């Protein structure tokens, strides 16, 4: 998806059309029903807003300039695939585990693994490979919490002036 509109002036037709395309993209993938996290420069993906409010914020305040992979709005990271997409690269997790650690698929989706004789590094590598999706979810949650705390701290400082 072309995101060059994000660098255009907010009153340009390219920017305005890009905002509409972003809203269509984000709201079709929103897990929050009729709301999404607002990626404007003020809200910084912390606050959930309805379409009209996000639209106004993006036109008036602008979108976060470094938010180029819309991971909070349903876009996959480069190289990340959903379960219904196919790829010839990186899909053979079972084969990689077998080659690296001697782990075999038992046929009933459970992994048989003999950990006897494996060092701690290999055990940790197995855990990481099996849990990478959950790890990414946790990291993104921590990132959102951090941004929320930064925003609240800024609001507190602004109120104290």
N, C-alpha and C. Protein backbone atom coordinates (compact mmCIF):
# COMPACT_ATOMS: atom_id res chain seq x y z
N UNK A 1 0.84 -1.17 0.00
CA UNK A 1 0.00 0.00 0.00
C UNK A 1 0.89 1.23 0.00
N UNK A 2 0.57 2.18 -0.85
CA UNK A 2 1.33 3.42 -0.96
C UNK A 2 1.06 4.31 0.25
N UNK A 3 2.12 4.71 0.92
CA UNK A 3 1.99 5.55 2.11
C UNK A 3 2.70 6.89 1.93
N UNK A 4 3.01 7.23 0.69
CA UNK A 4 3.70 8.49 0.44
C UNK A 4 2.84 9.68 0.84
N UNK A 5 1.54 9.50 0.91
CA UNK A 5 0.62 10.57 1.32
C UNK A 5 0.93 11.07 2.73
N UNK A 6 1.52 10.22 3.56
CA UNK A 6 1.78 10.59 4.94
C UNK A 6 2.77 11.75 5.05
N UNK A 7 3.59 11.94 4.04
CA UNK A 7 4.59 13.01 4.04
C UNK A 7 4.10 14.26 3.31
N UNK A 8 2.92 14.21 2.73
CA UNK A 8 2.37 15.35 1.97
C UNK A 8 1.74 16.37 2.92
N UNK A 9 1.56 17.60 2.46
CA UNK A 9 0.83 18.59 3.27
C UNK A 9 -0.60 18.12 3.55
N UNK A 10 -1.10 18.42 4.74
CA UNK A 10 -2.42 17.92 5.14
C UNK A 10 -3.55 18.47 4.29
N UNK A 11 -3.34 19.58 3.61
CA UNK A 11 -4.40 20.13 2.76
C UNK A 11 -4.31 19.66 1.31
N UNK A 12 -3.37 18.75 1.03
CA UNK A 12 -3.22 18.26 -0.34
C UNK A 12 -4.23 17.15 -0.62
N UNK A 13 -4.66 17.02 -1.87
CA UNK A 13 -5.59 15.93 -2.23
C UNK A 13 -5.00 14.55 -1.94
N UNK A 14 -3.67 14.39 -2.12
CA UNK A 14 -3.03 13.10 -1.87
C UNK A 14 -3.17 12.72 -0.39
N UNK A 15 -2.94 13.68 0.49
CA UNK A 15 -3.05 13.40 1.92
C UNK A 15 -4.48 13.04 2.28
N UNK A 16 -5.42 13.83 1.81
CA UNK A 16 -6.83 13.61 2.14
C UNK A 16 -7.32 12.26 1.64
N UNK A 17 -6.93 11.90 0.42
CA UNK A 17 -7.30 10.58 -0.12
C UNK A 17 -6.60 9.46 0.65
N UNK A 18 -5.34 9.68 1.05
CA UNK A 18 -4.61 8.69 1.83
C UNK A 18 -5.26 8.44 3.18
N UNK A 19 -5.78 9.50 3.81
CA UNK A 19 -6.47 9.36 5.09
C UNK A 19 -7.70 8.46 4.92
N UNK A 20 -8.45 8.70 3.85
CA UNK A 20 -9.65 7.87 3.58
C UNK A 20 -9.24 6.41 3.38
N UNK A 21 -8.18 6.17 2.62
CA UNK A 21 -7.71 4.80 2.40
C UNK A 21 -7.25 4.16 3.71
N UNK A 22 -6.55 4.93 4.54
CA UNK A 22 -6.12 4.41 5.83
C UNK A 22 -7.34 4.04 6.68
N UNK A 23 -8.32 4.92 6.74
CA UNK A 23 -9.52 4.66 7.55
C UNK A 23 -10.25 3.42 7.06
N UNK A 24 -10.38 3.27 5.74
CA UNK A 24 -11.02 2.07 5.19
C UNK A 24 -10.25 0.82 5.60
N UNK A 25 -8.93 0.88 5.49
CA UNK A 25 -8.07 -0.24 5.85
C UNK A 25 -8.22 -0.58 7.33
N UNK A 26 -8.10 0.44 8.18
CA UNK A 26 -8.08 0.22 9.62
C UNK A 26 -9.44 -0.24 10.15
N UNK A 27 -10.52 0.34 9.68
CA UNK A 27 -11.82 0.00 10.24
C UNK A 27 -12.32 -1.37 9.76
N UNK A 28 -11.84 -1.85 8.63
CA UNK A 28 -12.23 -3.20 8.21
C UNK A 28 -11.50 -4.26 9.03
N UNK A 29 -10.44 -3.87 9.74
CA UNK A 29 -9.65 -4.82 10.53
C UNK A 29 -9.74 -4.55 12.04
N UNK A 30 -10.58 -3.63 12.44
CA UNK A 30 -10.62 -3.21 13.84
C UNK A 30 -11.21 -4.28 14.75
N UNK A 31 -10.48 -4.66 15.80
CA UNK A 31 -11.05 -5.58 16.79
C UNK A 31 -11.94 -4.87 17.81
N UNK A 32 -12.05 -3.53 17.68
CA UNK A 32 -12.80 -2.73 18.64
C UNK A 32 -14.14 -2.25 18.07
N UNK A 33 -14.65 -2.94 17.06
CA UNK A 33 -15.94 -2.57 16.49
C UNK A 33 -15.85 -1.28 15.69
N UNK A 34 -16.57 -0.25 16.14
CA UNK A 34 -16.61 0.99 15.39
C UNK A 34 -15.55 2.00 15.85
N UNK A 35 -14.50 1.52 16.52
CA UNK A 35 -13.42 2.40 16.98
C UNK A 35 -12.06 1.80 16.61
N UNK A 36 -11.09 2.70 16.45
CA UNK A 36 -9.69 2.30 16.26
C UNK A 36 -8.82 3.19 17.14
N UNK A 37 -7.58 2.80 17.28
CA UNK A 37 -6.62 3.65 17.98
C UNK A 37 -6.28 4.79 17.04
N UNK A 38 -6.38 6.01 17.53
CA UNK A 38 -6.15 7.19 16.69
C UNK A 38 -4.66 7.44 16.52
N UNK A 39 -4.15 7.39 15.26
CA UNK A 39 -2.72 7.57 15.04
C UNK A 39 -2.32 9.02 14.77
N UNK A 40 -3.12 9.98 15.25
CA UNK A 40 -2.74 11.38 15.05
C UNK A 40 -1.58 11.73 15.97
N UNK A 41 -0.98 12.88 15.73
CA UNK A 41 0.21 13.29 16.49
C UNK A 41 -0.11 13.52 17.96
N UNK A 42 -1.35 13.86 18.28
CA UNK A 42 -1.71 14.08 19.68
C UNK A 42 -2.09 12.78 20.39
N UNK A 43 -2.92 11.97 19.76
CA UNK A 43 -3.42 10.74 20.40
C UNK A 43 -2.36 9.64 20.43
N UNK A 44 -1.49 9.58 19.44
CA UNK A 44 -0.37 8.64 19.38
C UNK A 44 -0.79 7.18 19.58
N UNK A 45 -1.90 6.78 19.00
CA UNK A 45 -2.40 5.40 19.08
C UNK A 45 -2.79 4.96 20.49
N UNK A 46 -3.04 5.90 21.37
CA UNK A 46 -3.42 5.56 22.73
C UNK A 46 -4.94 5.53 22.88
N UNK A 47 -5.61 6.50 22.27
CA UNK A 47 -7.06 6.63 22.46
C UNK A 47 -7.83 5.98 21.32
N UNK A 48 -8.91 5.29 21.67
CA UNK A 48 -9.79 4.67 20.69
C UNK A 48 -10.88 5.66 20.33
N UNK A 49 -11.05 5.88 19.02
CA UNK A 49 -12.03 6.85 18.55
C UNK A 49 -12.81 6.29 17.38
N UNK A 50 -13.97 6.89 17.14
CA UNK A 50 -14.80 6.53 16.00
C UNK A 50 -14.24 7.16 14.73
N UNK A 51 -14.72 6.68 13.60
CA UNK A 51 -14.18 7.07 12.29
C UNK A 51 -14.16 8.58 12.08
N UNK A 52 -15.26 9.26 12.33
CA UNK A 52 -15.31 10.70 12.09
C UNK A 52 -14.30 11.46 12.94
N UNK A 53 -14.13 11.02 14.18
CA UNK A 53 -13.18 11.68 15.07
C UNK A 53 -11.74 11.47 14.61
N UNK A 54 -11.42 10.23 14.21
CA UNK A 54 -10.07 9.94 13.71
C UNK A 54 -9.82 10.72 12.43
N UNK A 55 -10.81 10.75 11.55
CA UNK A 55 -10.70 11.48 10.30
C UNK A 55 -10.36 12.94 10.57
N UNK A 56 -11.11 13.57 11.47
CA UNK A 56 -10.86 14.97 11.82
C UNK A 56 -9.48 15.18 12.41
N UNK A 57 -9.08 14.28 13.32
CA UNK A 57 -7.76 14.41 13.94
C UNK A 57 -6.64 14.29 12.91
N UNK A 58 -6.77 13.34 11.99
CA UNK A 58 -5.72 13.16 10.99
C UNK A 58 -5.63 14.35 10.04
N UNK A 59 -6.77 14.95 9.71
CA UNK A 59 -6.74 16.13 8.84
C UNK A 59 -6.24 17.36 9.59
N UNK A 60 -6.62 17.50 10.84
CA UNK A 60 -6.28 18.70 11.60
C UNK A 60 -4.89 18.62 12.23
N UNK A 61 -4.54 17.47 12.79
CA UNK A 61 -3.30 17.34 13.55
C UNK A 61 -2.20 16.59 12.80
N UNK A 62 -2.58 15.75 11.84
CA UNK A 62 -1.61 14.97 11.09
C UNK A 62 -1.37 13.60 11.71
N UNK A 63 -0.87 12.70 10.89
CA UNK A 63 -0.59 11.33 11.34
C UNK A 63 0.83 11.26 11.88
N UNK A 64 1.08 10.34 12.80
CA UNK A 64 2.43 10.13 13.31
C UNK A 64 3.36 9.82 12.14
N UNK A 65 4.40 10.60 11.93
CA UNK A 65 5.22 10.43 10.72
C UNK A 65 6.00 9.12 10.66
N UNK A 66 6.33 8.53 11.79
CA UNK A 66 7.11 7.29 11.81
C UNK A 66 6.24 6.05 11.90
N UNK A 67 4.93 6.20 11.89
CA UNK A 67 4.03 5.05 11.97
C UNK A 67 3.76 4.54 10.54
N UNK A 68 4.78 3.89 9.99
CA UNK A 68 4.71 3.47 8.59
C UNK A 68 4.29 2.02 8.41
N UNK A 69 4.39 1.22 9.44
CA UNK A 69 3.80 -0.13 9.43
C UNK A 69 2.64 -0.07 10.40
N UNK A 70 1.42 -0.15 9.91
CA UNK A 70 0.22 0.07 10.70
C UNK A 70 -0.15 -1.19 11.49
N UNK A 71 0.78 -1.66 12.31
CA UNK A 71 0.61 -2.92 13.04
C UNK A 71 -0.53 -2.85 14.05
N UNK A 72 -0.87 -1.67 14.53
CA UNK A 72 -1.99 -1.55 15.47
C UNK A 72 -3.33 -1.48 14.74
N UNK A 73 -3.27 -1.46 13.42
CA UNK A 73 -4.48 -1.35 12.62
C UNK A 73 -4.60 -2.49 11.61
N UNK A 74 -3.95 -3.61 11.89
CA UNK A 74 -4.15 -4.81 11.09
C UNK A 74 -3.10 -5.10 10.05
N UNK A 75 -2.10 -4.25 9.91
CA UNK A 75 -1.07 -4.51 8.91
C UNK A 75 -0.01 -5.44 9.50
N UNK A 76 0.43 -6.38 8.71
CA UNK A 76 1.47 -7.32 9.13
C UNK A 76 2.85 -6.67 8.96
N UNK A 77 3.77 -7.08 9.81
CA UNK A 77 5.15 -6.66 9.65
C UNK A 77 5.71 -7.34 8.41
N UNK A 78 6.70 -6.72 7.75
CA UNK A 78 7.30 -7.38 6.59
C UNK A 78 7.81 -8.77 6.96
N UNK A 79 7.45 -9.77 6.16
CA UNK A 79 7.88 -11.14 6.40
C UNK A 79 6.94 -11.91 7.30
N UNK A 80 5.92 -11.25 7.86
CA UNK A 80 4.96 -11.92 8.74
C UNK A 80 3.77 -12.38 7.90
N UNK A 81 3.33 -13.59 8.13
CA UNK A 81 2.22 -14.15 7.38
C UNK A 81 1.13 -14.59 8.33
N UNK A 82 -0.11 -14.42 7.88
CA UNK A 82 -1.21 -14.95 8.68
C UNK A 82 -1.38 -16.43 8.35
N UNK A 83 -2.19 -17.12 9.11
CA UNK A 83 -2.33 -18.56 8.92
C UNK A 83 -2.98 -18.92 7.60
N UNK A 84 -3.72 -17.98 6.98
CA UNK A 84 -4.37 -18.30 5.71
C UNK A 84 -3.55 -17.88 4.50
N UNK A 85 -2.40 -17.24 4.71
CA UNK A 85 -1.53 -16.88 3.61
C UNK A 85 -0.52 -17.99 3.39
N UNK A 86 -0.06 -18.10 2.16
CA UNK A 86 0.94 -19.12 1.88
C UNK A 86 2.24 -18.46 1.49
N UNK A 87 3.31 -19.11 1.83
CA UNK A 87 4.63 -18.63 1.49
C UNK A 87 5.55 -19.83 1.40
N UNK A 88 6.49 -19.77 0.49
CA UNK A 88 7.45 -20.85 0.37
C UNK A 88 8.64 -20.65 1.30
N UNK A 89 8.77 -19.43 1.86
CA UNK A 89 9.91 -19.13 2.71
C UNK A 89 9.47 -19.10 4.16
N UNK A 90 10.20 -19.76 5.03
CA UNK A 90 10.00 -19.66 6.46
C UNK A 90 8.79 -20.41 7.01
N UNK A 91 8.10 -21.20 6.20
CA UNK A 91 6.91 -21.89 6.68
C UNK A 91 7.22 -23.25 7.29
N UNK A 92 8.39 -23.78 7.06
CA UNK A 92 8.70 -25.13 7.50
C UNK A 92 9.28 -25.11 8.91
N UNK A 93 8.47 -24.68 9.87
CA UNK A 93 8.92 -24.62 11.26
C UNK A 93 9.29 -26.00 11.76
N UNK A 94 8.44 -27.00 11.47
CA UNK A 94 8.73 -28.35 11.93
C UNK A 94 10.06 -28.84 11.35
N UNK A 95 10.30 -28.55 10.08
CA UNK A 95 11.55 -28.96 9.45
C UNK A 95 12.75 -28.26 10.07
N UNK A 96 12.60 -26.98 10.37
CA UNK A 96 13.69 -26.25 11.01
C UNK A 96 13.97 -26.80 12.41
N UNK A 97 12.91 -27.09 13.17
CA UNK A 97 13.12 -27.65 14.51
C UNK A 97 13.80 -29.02 14.42
N UNK A 98 13.37 -29.83 13.43
CA UNK A 98 14.00 -31.14 13.25
C UNK A 98 15.47 -30.99 12.90
N UNK A 99 15.76 -30.11 11.93
CA UNK A 99 17.15 -29.95 11.51
C UNK A 99 18.03 -29.41 12.63
N UNK A 100 17.50 -28.45 13.39
CA UNK A 100 18.32 -27.80 14.41
C UNK A 100 18.42 -28.60 15.69
N UNK A 101 17.30 -29.24 16.12
CA UNK A 101 17.27 -29.80 17.46
C UNK A 101 16.81 -31.25 17.53
N UNK A 102 16.53 -31.87 16.39
CA UNK A 102 16.07 -33.24 16.42
C UNK A 102 14.64 -33.39 16.90
N UNK A 103 13.82 -32.35 16.73
CA UNK A 103 12.42 -32.38 17.16
C UNK A 103 11.58 -32.90 16.00
N UNK A 104 10.71 -33.84 16.29
CA UNK A 104 9.89 -34.46 15.25
C UNK A 104 8.42 -34.19 15.51
N UNK A 105 7.65 -33.98 14.42
CA UNK A 105 6.20 -33.83 14.53
C UNK A 105 5.62 -35.23 14.69
N UNK A 106 4.81 -35.42 15.74
CA UNK A 106 4.28 -36.75 16.02
C UNK A 106 3.05 -37.08 15.19
N UNK A 107 2.57 -36.15 14.38
CA UNK A 107 1.40 -36.41 13.56
C UNK A 107 0.11 -35.93 14.17
N UNK A 108 0.07 -35.74 15.47
CA UNK A 108 -1.16 -35.24 16.09
C UNK A 108 -0.95 -33.82 16.62
N UNK A 109 -0.10 -33.06 15.94
CA UNK A 109 0.18 -31.65 16.23
C UNK A 109 0.89 -31.44 17.56
N UNK A 110 1.30 -32.49 18.20
CA UNK A 110 2.12 -32.34 19.40
C UNK A 110 3.57 -32.58 19.01
N UNK A 111 4.44 -31.88 19.66
CA UNK A 111 5.86 -32.01 19.34
C UNK A 111 6.52 -32.95 20.33
N UNK A 112 7.13 -34.00 19.78
CA UNK A 112 7.92 -34.90 20.62
C UNK A 112 9.33 -34.34 20.66
N UNK A 113 9.84 -34.21 21.84
CA UNK A 113 11.16 -33.62 21.97
C UNK A 113 11.91 -34.28 23.11
N UNK A 114 13.08 -34.76 22.82
CA UNK A 114 13.93 -35.31 23.86
C UNK A 114 14.89 -34.22 24.28
N UNK A 115 14.67 -33.68 25.48
CA UNK A 115 15.50 -32.59 25.95
C UNK A 115 16.75 -33.07 26.66
N UNK A 116 16.82 -34.39 26.89
CA UNK A 116 18.00 -34.93 27.57
C UNK A 116 19.21 -34.69 26.68
N UNK A 117 20.22 -34.12 27.25
CA UNK A 117 21.44 -33.87 26.50
C UNK A 117 21.47 -32.53 25.81
N UNK A 118 20.35 -31.82 25.76
CA UNK A 118 20.35 -30.49 25.14
C UNK A 118 20.82 -29.47 26.15
N UNK A 119 21.61 -28.51 25.68
CA UNK A 119 22.04 -27.46 26.60
C UNK A 119 20.93 -26.42 26.75
N UNK A 120 21.09 -25.53 27.71
CA UNK A 120 20.05 -24.55 28.01
C UNK A 120 19.79 -23.63 26.82
N UNK A 121 20.81 -23.29 26.07
CA UNK A 121 20.63 -22.43 24.90
C UNK A 121 19.69 -23.05 23.88
N UNK A 122 19.84 -24.35 23.62
CA UNK A 122 18.95 -25.02 22.68
C UNK A 122 17.52 -25.09 23.21
N UNK A 123 17.39 -25.29 24.50
CA UNK A 123 16.05 -25.33 25.09
C UNK A 123 15.37 -23.97 24.96
N UNK A 124 16.11 -22.92 25.24
CA UNK A 124 15.55 -21.58 25.10
C UNK A 124 15.20 -21.26 23.66
N UNK A 125 16.02 -21.72 22.73
CA UNK A 125 15.73 -21.49 21.31
C UNK A 125 14.43 -22.17 20.91
N UNK A 126 14.18 -23.36 21.43
CA UNK A 126 12.93 -24.07 21.14
C UNK A 126 11.75 -23.29 21.68
N UNK A 127 11.87 -22.84 22.92
CA UNK A 127 10.78 -22.07 23.52
C UNK A 127 10.51 -20.82 22.70
N UNK A 128 11.57 -20.15 22.29
CA UNK A 128 11.39 -18.93 21.50
C UNK A 128 10.69 -19.24 20.18
N UNK A 129 11.13 -20.27 19.47
CA UNK A 129 10.51 -20.59 18.20
C UNK A 129 9.04 -20.96 18.34
N UNK A 130 8.70 -21.63 19.42
CA UNK A 130 7.32 -22.06 19.62
C UNK A 130 6.42 -20.93 20.12
N UNK A 131 7.01 -19.89 20.67
CA UNK A 131 6.22 -18.84 21.32
C UNK A 131 6.42 -17.46 20.69
N UNK A 132 6.97 -17.36 19.49
CA UNK A 132 7.30 -16.05 18.92
C UNK A 132 6.08 -15.17 18.72
N UNK A 133 4.94 -15.72 18.35
CA UNK A 133 3.75 -14.90 18.14
C UNK A 133 3.30 -14.26 19.44
N UNK A 134 3.28 -15.04 20.51
CA UNK A 134 2.86 -14.50 21.80
C UNK A 134 3.85 -13.46 22.29
N UNK A 135 5.12 -13.69 22.05
CA UNK A 135 6.15 -12.73 22.43
C UNK A 135 5.91 -11.39 21.73
N UNK A 136 5.59 -11.41 20.46
CA UNK A 136 5.31 -10.18 19.72
C UNK A 136 4.10 -9.46 20.31
N UNK A 137 3.06 -10.20 20.66
CA UNK A 137 1.88 -9.58 21.28
C UNK A 137 2.25 -8.90 22.59
N UNK A 138 3.08 -9.54 23.39
CA UNK A 138 3.49 -8.96 24.68
C UNK A 138 4.31 -7.69 24.46
N UNK A 139 5.23 -7.74 23.53
CA UNK A 139 6.07 -6.56 23.25
C UNK A 139 5.21 -5.40 22.78
N UNK A 140 4.24 -5.67 21.90
CA UNK A 140 3.38 -4.60 21.41
C UNK A 140 2.51 -4.05 22.54
N UNK A 141 2.05 -4.89 23.45
CA UNK A 141 1.27 -4.42 24.59
C UNK A 141 2.12 -3.52 25.48
N UNK A 142 3.35 -3.92 25.74
CA UNK A 142 4.25 -3.09 26.54
C UNK A 142 4.54 -1.76 25.85
N UNK A 143 4.69 -1.79 24.53
CA UNK A 143 4.91 -0.57 23.77
C UNK A 143 3.72 0.37 23.90
N UNK A 144 2.51 -0.17 23.80
CA UNK A 144 1.31 0.65 23.94
C UNK A 144 1.19 1.23 25.35
N UNK A 145 1.51 0.43 26.35
CA UNK A 145 1.48 0.92 27.73
C UNK A 145 2.48 2.05 27.91
N UNK A 146 3.69 1.86 27.38
CA UNK A 146 4.72 2.89 27.48
C UNK A 146 4.25 4.19 26.83
N UNK A 147 3.68 4.10 25.63
CA UNK A 147 3.20 5.30 24.95
C UNK A 147 2.09 5.97 25.74
N UNK A 148 1.21 5.16 26.34
CA UNK A 148 0.13 5.71 27.15
C UNK A 148 0.66 6.43 28.37
N UNK A 149 1.67 5.87 29.02
CA UNK A 149 2.27 6.52 30.18
C UNK A 149 2.98 7.81 29.81
N UNK A 150 3.67 7.81 28.68
CA UNK A 150 4.33 9.03 28.20
C UNK A 150 3.29 10.11 27.95
N UNK A 151 2.19 9.74 27.28
CA UNK A 151 1.14 10.70 26.99
C UNK A 151 0.53 11.24 28.28
N UNK A 152 0.24 10.37 29.25
CA UNK A 152 -0.34 10.82 30.51
C UNK A 152 0.62 11.74 31.26
N UNK A 153 1.91 11.42 31.23
CA UNK A 153 2.90 12.27 31.88
C UNK A 153 2.94 13.64 31.22
N UNK A 154 2.85 13.69 29.89
CA UNK A 154 2.83 14.96 29.18
C UNK A 154 1.58 15.76 29.54
N UNK A 155 0.44 15.07 29.64
CA UNK A 155 -0.79 15.75 30.00
C UNK A 155 -0.70 16.31 31.41
N UNK A 156 -0.11 15.55 32.31
CA UNK A 156 0.05 16.02 33.69
C UNK A 156 0.94 17.25 33.73
N UNK A 157 2.03 17.22 32.98
CA UNK A 157 2.94 18.37 32.93
C UNK A 157 2.26 19.59 32.32
N UNK A 158 1.43 19.37 31.30
CA UNK A 158 0.72 20.48 30.66
C UNK A 158 -0.29 21.10 31.62
N UNK A 159 -0.93 20.29 32.45
CA UNK A 159 -1.92 20.78 33.41
C UNK A 159 -1.25 21.57 34.53
N UNK A 160 -0.01 21.25 34.84
CA UNK A 160 0.69 21.90 35.94
C UNK A 160 1.24 23.27 35.58
N UNK A 161 1.16 23.62 34.33
CA UNK A 161 1.71 24.91 33.89
C UNK A 161 0.78 26.04 34.20
